[in-house]
Structures are given as structure tokens and as C-alpha cells.
Amino acid sequence: MFNKNILMALVIGLSIASTTAVFAEETAVNVNLLNTSGVGQGIGSITLRDSPYGLLLIPDLTNLSPGNHGFHIHENPDCGAQRKEGRLVPGLAAGGHFDPWSTGSHEGPYGEGHLGDLPPLFVDEEGNATTTVLAPRLKRSYLRQRSIMIHMKGDNFSDTPAKLGGGGARLACGVIP
């Protein structure tokens, strides 16, 4: 189990270091709002960059509701809507959380459950998300042909009181090339 204060210090340090160091590889993921017709308006991008401490996710997003949002890697490279119980559900084509070892457990980015569990995405009062997050168990190479999902609500990294952390509806999505 990681000490959260140490992890926050690492994220801040890595964010500062990333502005001055040149990394050989990174992946930009375009992110769009979701609706029942599929993908909607573009809201920016998230840059994925490997570091010695795990994967850095560097958002540059706008037009989101303020606060913390559930943030996950999903198994399929598709952000489209699909039918569930007779109605179209935005982003359902992305499938479930990326869980290559079939843990079936939602424990957050520092636990041993879904590998796709990411730290929360923080959105400021103006609707912008620019705070870098660190996913210590991930590498870019694990994520090719997956999707990255932003949920309407925050995530408590537990299946109680609400399944999958209570993040709610799928708000925005990007396909990872």
C-alpha cells in the first residue's frame, strides 16, 4: 500500500520534471463528450507518458462539471453508444473496466483489482481538467486499443454503497491508439 502523501509528492515532482525533460514516447488521446448518438463535442486531450513510477496521464480538458470524476481505462477501443435493456447508453461500447487478470474487484489505482482503475480526475471551477495523475501499475504499452473514460461523478474505489465506485454515467471518452 502506497502512502498517499508520498504519491502526491511524486506526482507533483513528476509533473514539474515532465515540463523540462524530453520523453521519447507519449500518446495523445482525443476526448469527446458522449451522448446516445455516439460521440459528441471534442473537449481536449489526455497525454499518456511512461515514467519510472508508472503512467502519467496529463489532461488538457475543458467543458466538464467541476469536482472529482471517476476516471478509468475501459477494455474496448470504442466510445459509441449501445443498447442495454432497450435503451441506448452513451459509451457502453467501451465495455467494462480494463481487468486483464479477471480480478472482478474495484480497488482503485493502488489496490490489486481492475488494472484500469485510475486516480480521480479533478476538474476546477471553470470546468478545466489539467492536473496530472499517476497510475503506478500501468504502462502505455498495456493500453493500446483500449479507451479512457470519464464518469459523471466521483469514485470511491469500492463496490459499496454503489457498484464500481459510484461514478455513474459515462460522460466523456477517448480511444487510445
C-alpha atoms as a PDB file:
ATOM      1  CA  MET A   1       0.000   0.000   0.000  1.00  0.00           C
ATOM      2  CA  PHE A   2       1.415   3.386  -1.007  1.00  0.00           C
ATOM      3  CA  ASN A   3       1.414   6.389   1.314  1.00  0.00           C
ATOM      4  CA  LYS A   4      -0.896   8.930  -0.383  1.00  0.00           C
ATOM      5  CA  ASN A   5       1.250  11.931   0.687  1.00  0.00           C
ATOM      6  CA  ILE A   6       4.340  10.376  -0.871  1.00  0.00           C
ATOM      7  CA  LEU A   7       2.407   9.598  -4.054  1.00  0.00           C
ATOM      8  CA  MET A   8       1.130  13.184  -4.279  1.00  0.00           C
ATOM      9  CA  ALA A   9       4.688  14.482  -3.865  1.00  0.00           C
ATOM     10  CA  LEU A  10       5.830  12.135  -6.632  1.00  0.00           C
ATOM     11  CA  VAL A  11       3.038  13.298  -8.959  1.00  0.00           C
ATOM     12  CA  ILE A  12       3.908  16.950  -8.361  1.00  0.00           C
ATOM     13  CA  GLY A  13       7.613  16.254  -8.831  1.00  0.00           C
ATOM     14  CA  LEU A  14       6.996  14.270 -11.989  1.00  0.00           C
ATOM     15  CA  SER A  15       4.730  17.000 -13.356  1.00  0.00           C
ATOM     16  CA  ILE A  16       7.461  19.577 -12.853  1.00  0.00           C
ATOM     17  CA  ALA A  17      10.108  17.249 -14.276  1.00  0.00           C
ATOM     18  CA  SER A  18       7.960  16.492 -17.308  1.00  0.00           C
ATOM     19  CA  THR A  19       7.957  20.140 -18.321  1.00  0.00           C
ATOM     20  CA  THR A  20      11.739  20.203 -18.541  1.00  0.00           C
ATOM     21  CA  ALA A  21      12.650  16.666 -19.581  1.00  0.00           C
ATOM     22  CA  VAL A  22      12.072  15.231 -23.016  1.00  0.00           C
ATOM     23  CA  PHE A  23      10.500  11.779 -23.002  1.00  0.00           C
ATOM     24  CA  ALA A  24      10.978   9.632 -26.084  1.00  0.00           C
ATOM     25  CA  GLU A  25       7.412   8.353 -26.275  1.00  0.00           C
ATOM     26  CA  GLU A  26       3.973   9.614 -25.450  1.00  0.00           C
ATOM     27  CA  THR A  27       0.455   9.050 -26.718  1.00  0.00           C
ATOM     28  CA  ALA A  28      -2.182  11.755 -27.159  1.00  0.00           C
ATOM     29  CA  VAL A  29      -5.791  10.657 -26.735  1.00  0.00           C
ATOM     30  CA  ASN A  30      -8.549  12.918 -28.073  1.00  0.00           C
ATOM     31  CA  VAL A  31     -11.550  13.040 -25.726  1.00  0.00           C
ATOM     32  CA  ASN A  32     -15.178  13.733 -26.649  1.00  0.00           C
ATOM     33  CA  LEU A  33     -18.379  14.140 -24.663  1.00  0.00           C
ATOM     34  CA  LEU A  34     -20.766  11.205 -25.019  1.00  0.00           C
ATOM     35  CA  ASN A  35     -24.423  11.074 -25.996  1.00  0.00           C
ATOM     36  CA  THR A  36     -26.921   8.470 -27.187  1.00  0.00           C
ATOM     37  CA  SER A  37     -25.890   9.164 -30.800  1.00  0.00           C
ATOM     38  CA  GLY A  38     -22.293   8.182 -30.019  1.00  0.00           C
ATOM     39  CA  VAL A  39     -19.510  10.664 -29.541  1.00  0.00           C
ATOM     40  CA  GLY A  40     -20.203  14.375 -29.360  1.00  0.00           C
ATOM     41  CA  GLN A  41     -18.204  17.558 -28.980  1.00  0.00           C
ATOM     42  CA  GLY A  42     -14.434  17.358 -28.523  1.00  0.00           C
ATOM     43  CA  ILE A  43     -13.272  18.638 -25.130  1.00  0.00           C
ATOM     44  CA  GLY A  44      -9.489  18.264 -25.436  1.00  0.00           C
ATOM     45  CA  SER A  45      -6.942  15.540 -24.950  1.00  0.00           C
ATOM     46  CA  ILE A  46      -5.085  13.424 -22.430  1.00  0.00           C
ATOM     47  CA  THR A  47      -1.390  12.714 -22.942  1.00  0.00           C
ATOM     48  CA  LEU A  48      -0.117   9.342 -21.731  1.00  0.00           C
ATOM     49  CA  ARG A  49       3.555   9.229 -20.778  1.00  0.00           C
ATOM     50  CA  ASP A  50       5.552   6.462 -19.102  1.00  0.00           C
ATOM     51  CA  SER A  51       7.679   7.416 -16.113  1.00  0.00           C
ATOM     52  CA  PRO A  52       9.875   5.434 -13.718  1.00  0.00           C
ATOM     53  CA  TYR A  53       6.943   5.492 -11.253  1.00  0.00           C
ATOM     54  CA  GLY A  54       4.135   4.402 -13.577  1.00  0.00           C
ATOM     55  CA  LEU A  55       1.967   6.039 -16.199  1.00  0.00           C
ATOM     56  CA  LEU A  56       1.418   9.799 -16.164  1.00  0.00           C
ATOM     57  CA  LEU A  57      -1.943  10.940 -17.515  1.00  0.00           C
ATOM     58  CA  ILE A  58      -1.739  14.622 -18.423  1.00  0.00           C
ATOM     59  CA  PRO A  59      -5.203  16.043 -19.136  1.00  0.00           C
ATOM     60  CA  ASP A  60      -5.925  19.209 -21.101  1.00  0.00           C
ATOM     61  CA  LEU A  61      -9.725  19.132 -20.985  1.00  0.00           C
ATOM     62  CA  THR A  62     -12.498  21.748 -20.919  1.00  0.00           C
ATOM     63  CA  ASN A  63     -16.305  21.927 -20.584  1.00  0.00           C
ATOM     64  CA  LEU A  64     -16.629  19.440 -17.712  1.00  0.00           C
ATOM     65  CA  SER A  65     -18.577  19.841 -14.470  1.00  0.00           C
ATOM     66  CA  PRO A  66     -16.393  20.919 -11.502  1.00  0.00           C
ATOM     67  CA  GLY A  67     -15.231  18.384  -8.921  1.00  0.00           C
ATOM     68  CA  ASN A  68     -13.768  14.904  -8.930  1.00  0.00           C
ATOM     69  CA  HIS A  69     -14.804  12.434 -11.610  1.00  0.00           C
ATOM     70  CA  GLY A  70     -14.352   8.684 -11.882  1.00  0.00           C
ATOM     71  CA  PHE A  71     -11.579   8.014 -14.390  1.00  0.00           C
ATOM     72  CA  HIS A  72     -10.861   4.573 -15.887  1.00  0.00           C
ATOM     73  CA  ILE A  73      -9.323   2.605 -18.701  1.00  0.00           C
ATOM     74  CA  HIS A  74     -12.049   0.511 -20.370  1.00  0.00           C
ATOM     75  CA  GLU A  75     -11.474  -2.709 -22.290  1.00  0.00           C
ATOM     76  CA  ASN A  76     -12.665  -1.815 -25.833  1.00  0.00           C
ATOM     77  CA  PRO A  77     -11.391   0.843 -28.274  1.00  0.00           C
ATOM     78  CA  ASP A  78     -14.904   2.176 -28.912  1.00  0.00           C
ATOM     79  CA  CYS A  79     -16.727   5.126 -27.322  1.00  0.00           C
ATOM     80  CA  GLY A  80     -20.036   4.558 -29.082  1.00  0.00           C
ATOM     81  CA  ALA A  81     -23.475   4.081 -27.567  1.00  0.00           C
ATOM     82  CA  GLN A  82     -25.006   0.599 -27.301  1.00  0.00           C
ATOM     83  CA  ARG A  83     -28.389  -0.743 -26.286  1.00  0.00           C
ATOM     84  CA  LYS A  84     -28.939  -2.059 -22.784  1.00  0.00           C
ATOM     85  CA  GLU A  85     -32.379  -3.121 -21.617  1.00  0.00           C
ATOM     86  CA  GLY A  86     -33.924  -1.487 -24.679  1.00  0.00           C
ATOM     87  CA  ARG A  87     -32.307   1.945 -24.417  1.00  0.00           C
ATOM     88  CA  LEU A  88     -29.156   3.499 -25.867  1.00  0.00           C
ATOM     89  CA  VAL A  89     -26.427   4.029 -23.256  1.00  0.00           C
ATOM     90  CA  PRO A  90     -23.639   6.524 -24.069  1.00  0.00           C
ATOM     91  CA  GLY A  91     -20.163   4.953 -24.103  1.00  0.00           C
ATOM     92  CA  LEU A  92     -21.351   1.416 -23.435  1.00  0.00           C
ATOM     93  CA  ALA A  93     -19.380   0.072 -26.439  1.00  0.00           C
ATOM     94  CA  ALA A  94     -16.204   0.728 -24.395  1.00  0.00           C
ATOM     95  CA  GLY A  95     -17.071  -2.305 -22.281  1.00  0.00           C
ATOM     96  CA  GLY A  96     -16.112  -2.650 -18.635  1.00  0.00           C
ATOM     97  CA  HIS A  97     -13.058  -1.573 -16.700  1.00  0.00           C
ATOM     98  CA  PHE A  98      -9.789  -2.983 -18.047  1.00  0.00           C
ATOM     99  CA  ASP A  99      -9.246  -6.088 -15.889  1.00  0.00           C
ATOM    100  CA  PRO A 100      -6.763  -8.373 -17.712  1.00  0.00           C
ATOM    101  CA  TRP A 101      -6.359 -10.724 -14.729  1.00  0.00           C
ATOM    102  CA  SER A 102     -10.139 -11.043 -14.188  1.00  0.00           C
ATOM    103  CA  THR A 103      -9.972  -9.856 -10.585  1.00  0.00           C
ATOM    104  CA  GLY A 104     -13.572  -8.655 -10.697  1.00  0.00           C
ATOM    105  CA  SER A 105     -12.579  -6.209  -7.971  1.00  0.00           C
ATOM    106  CA  HIS A 106     -12.740  -2.412  -7.891  1.00  0.00           C
ATOM    107  CA  GLU A 107      -9.900  -1.337  -5.564  1.00  0.00           C
ATOM    108  CA  GLY A 108      -8.524   1.854  -7.115  1.00  0.00           C
ATOM    109  CA  PRO A 109      -5.160   2.583  -8.713  1.00  0.00           C
ATOM    110  CA  TYR A 110      -3.143   1.415  -5.689  1.00  0.00           C
ATOM    111  CA  GLY A 111      -5.045  -1.813  -4.981  1.00  0.00           C
ATOM    112  CA  GLU A 112      -4.879  -5.169  -6.704  1.00  0.00           C
ATOM    113  CA  GLY A 113      -8.216  -5.038  -8.534  1.00  0.00           C
ATOM    114  CA  HIS A 114      -9.004  -3.729 -12.019  1.00  0.00           C
ATOM    115  CA  LEU A 115      -5.854  -2.527 -13.737  1.00  0.00           C
ATOM    116  CA  GLY A 116      -7.982   0.170 -15.401  1.00  0.00           C
ATOM    117  CA  ASP A 117      -8.789   1.978 -12.125  1.00  0.00           C
ATOM    118  CA  LEU A 118      -7.200   5.436 -12.274  1.00  0.00           C
ATOM    119  CA  PRO A 119      -6.856   8.191  -9.684  1.00  0.00           C
ATOM    120  CA  PRO A 120      -9.739  10.699  -9.755  1.00  0.00           C
ATOM    121  CA  LEU A 121      -9.822  13.342 -12.472  1.00  0.00           C
ATOM    122  CA  PHE A 122     -10.065  16.777 -10.839  1.00  0.00           C
ATOM    123  CA  VAL A 123     -11.992  19.496 -12.693  1.00  0.00           C
ATOM    124  CA  ASP A 124     -11.624  23.099 -11.490  1.00  0.00           C
ATOM    125  CA  GLU A 125     -14.441  25.637 -11.018  1.00  0.00           C
ATOM    126  CA  GLU A 126     -14.078  26.816 -14.646  1.00  0.00           C
ATOM    127  CA  GLY A 127     -14.635  23.281 -15.984  1.00  0.00           C
ATOM    128  CA  ASN A 128     -10.986  22.573 -16.852  1.00  0.00           C
ATOM    129  CA  ALA A 129      -9.014  19.430 -16.024  1.00  0.00           C
ATOM    130  CA  THR A 130      -5.242  19.988 -16.163  1.00  0.00           C
ATOM    131  CA  THR A 131      -3.922  18.182 -13.071  1.00  0.00           C
ATOM    132  CA  THR A 132      -1.582  15.291 -13.916  1.00  0.00           C
ATOM    133  CA  VAL A 133      -2.362  11.947 -12.302  1.00  0.00           C
ATOM    134  CA  LEU A 134      -0.113   8.945 -11.756  1.00  0.00           C
ATOM    135  CA  ALA A 135      -1.247   5.345 -12.327  1.00  0.00           C
ATOM    136  CA  PRO A 136       1.585   3.353 -10.702  1.00  0.00           C
ATOM    137  CA  ARG A 137       0.592  -0.072 -12.103  1.00  0.00           C
ATOM    138  CA  LEU A 138       0.232   0.992 -15.752  1.00  0.00           C
ATOM    139  CA  LYS A 139       2.420   1.459 -18.814  1.00  0.00           C
ATOM    140  CA  ARG A 140       1.406   2.892 -22.187  1.00  0.00           C
ATOM    141  CA  SER A 141       2.075  -0.460 -23.864  1.00  0.00           C
ATOM    142  CA  TYR A 142      -0.754  -2.063 -21.801  1.00  0.00           C
ATOM    143  CA  LEU A 143      -3.292   0.411 -23.137  1.00  0.00           C
ATOM    144  CA  ARG A 144      -3.128   0.190 -26.912  1.00  0.00           C
ATOM    145  CA  GLN A 145      -6.579  -0.309 -28.419  1.00  0.00           C
ATOM    146  CA  ARG A 146      -8.447   0.481 -25.192  1.00  0.00           C
ATOM    147  CA  SER A 147     -10.474   3.536 -24.211  1.00  0.00           C
ATOM    148  CA  ILE A 148     -10.217   6.091 -21.448  1.00  0.00           C
ATOM    149  CA  MET A 149     -13.479   7.024 -19.725  1.00  0.00           C
ATOM    150  CA  ILE A 150     -14.582   9.952 -17.579  1.00  0.00           C
ATOM    151  CA  HIS A 151     -17.668   9.363 -15.454  1.00  0.00           C
ATOM    152  CA  MET A 152     -20.254  11.913 -14.255  1.00  0.00           C
ATOM    153  CA  LYS A 153     -19.498  11.518 -10.544  1.00  0.00           C
ATOM    154  CA  GLY A 154     -16.552  10.782  -8.277  1.00  0.00           C
ATOM    155  CA  ASP A 155     -15.262   7.296  -7.490  1.00  0.00           C
ATOM    156  CA  ASN A 156     -14.770   5.807  -4.002  1.00  0.00           C
ATOM    157  CA  PHE A 157     -12.878   2.728  -5.364  1.00  0.00           C
ATOM    158  CA  SER A 158     -15.287   0.326  -3.723  1.00  0.00           C
ATOM    159  CA  ASP A 159     -18.305  -1.654  -4.821  1.00  0.00           C
ATOM    160  CA  THR A 160     -20.322  -0.340  -1.874  1.00  0.00           C
ATOM    161  CA  PRO A 161     -22.544   1.534  -1.468  1.00  0.00           C
ATOM    162  CA  ALA A 162     -22.669   1.714  -5.296  1.00  0.00           C
ATOM    163  CA  LYS A 163     -21.200  -0.742  -7.807  1.00  0.00           C
ATOM    164  CA  LEU A 164     -17.883   0.291  -9.437  1.00  0.00           C
ATOM    165  CA  GLY A 165     -17.304   3.187  -7.066  1.00  0.00           C
ATOM    166  CA  GLY A 166     -20.485   5.093  -7.788  1.00  0.00           C
ATOM    167  CA  GLY A 167     -19.029   7.050 -10.720  1.00  0.00           C
ATOM    168  CA  GLY A 168     -22.336   6.884 -12.508  1.00  0.00           C
ATOM    169  CA  ALA A 169     -22.993   7.561 -16.175  1.00  0.00           C
ATOM    170  CA  ARG A 170     -20.240   7.740 -18.768  1.00  0.00           C
ATOM    171  CA  LEU A 171     -19.611  11.403 -19.566  1.00  0.00           C
ATOM    172  CA  ALA A 172     -16.636  11.552 -21.933  1.00  0.00           C
ATOM    173  CA  CYS A 173     -14.364   9.078 -23.706  1.00  0.00           C
ATOM    174  CA  GLY A 174     -11.314   8.752 -25.915  1.00  0.00           C
ATOM    175  CA  VAL A 175      -9.943   5.809 -27.879  1.00  0.00           C
ATOM    176  CA  ILE A 176      -6.288   5.031 -27.176  1.00  0.00           C
ATOM    177  CA  PRO A 177      -4.450   4.394 -30.460  1.00  0.00           C
END
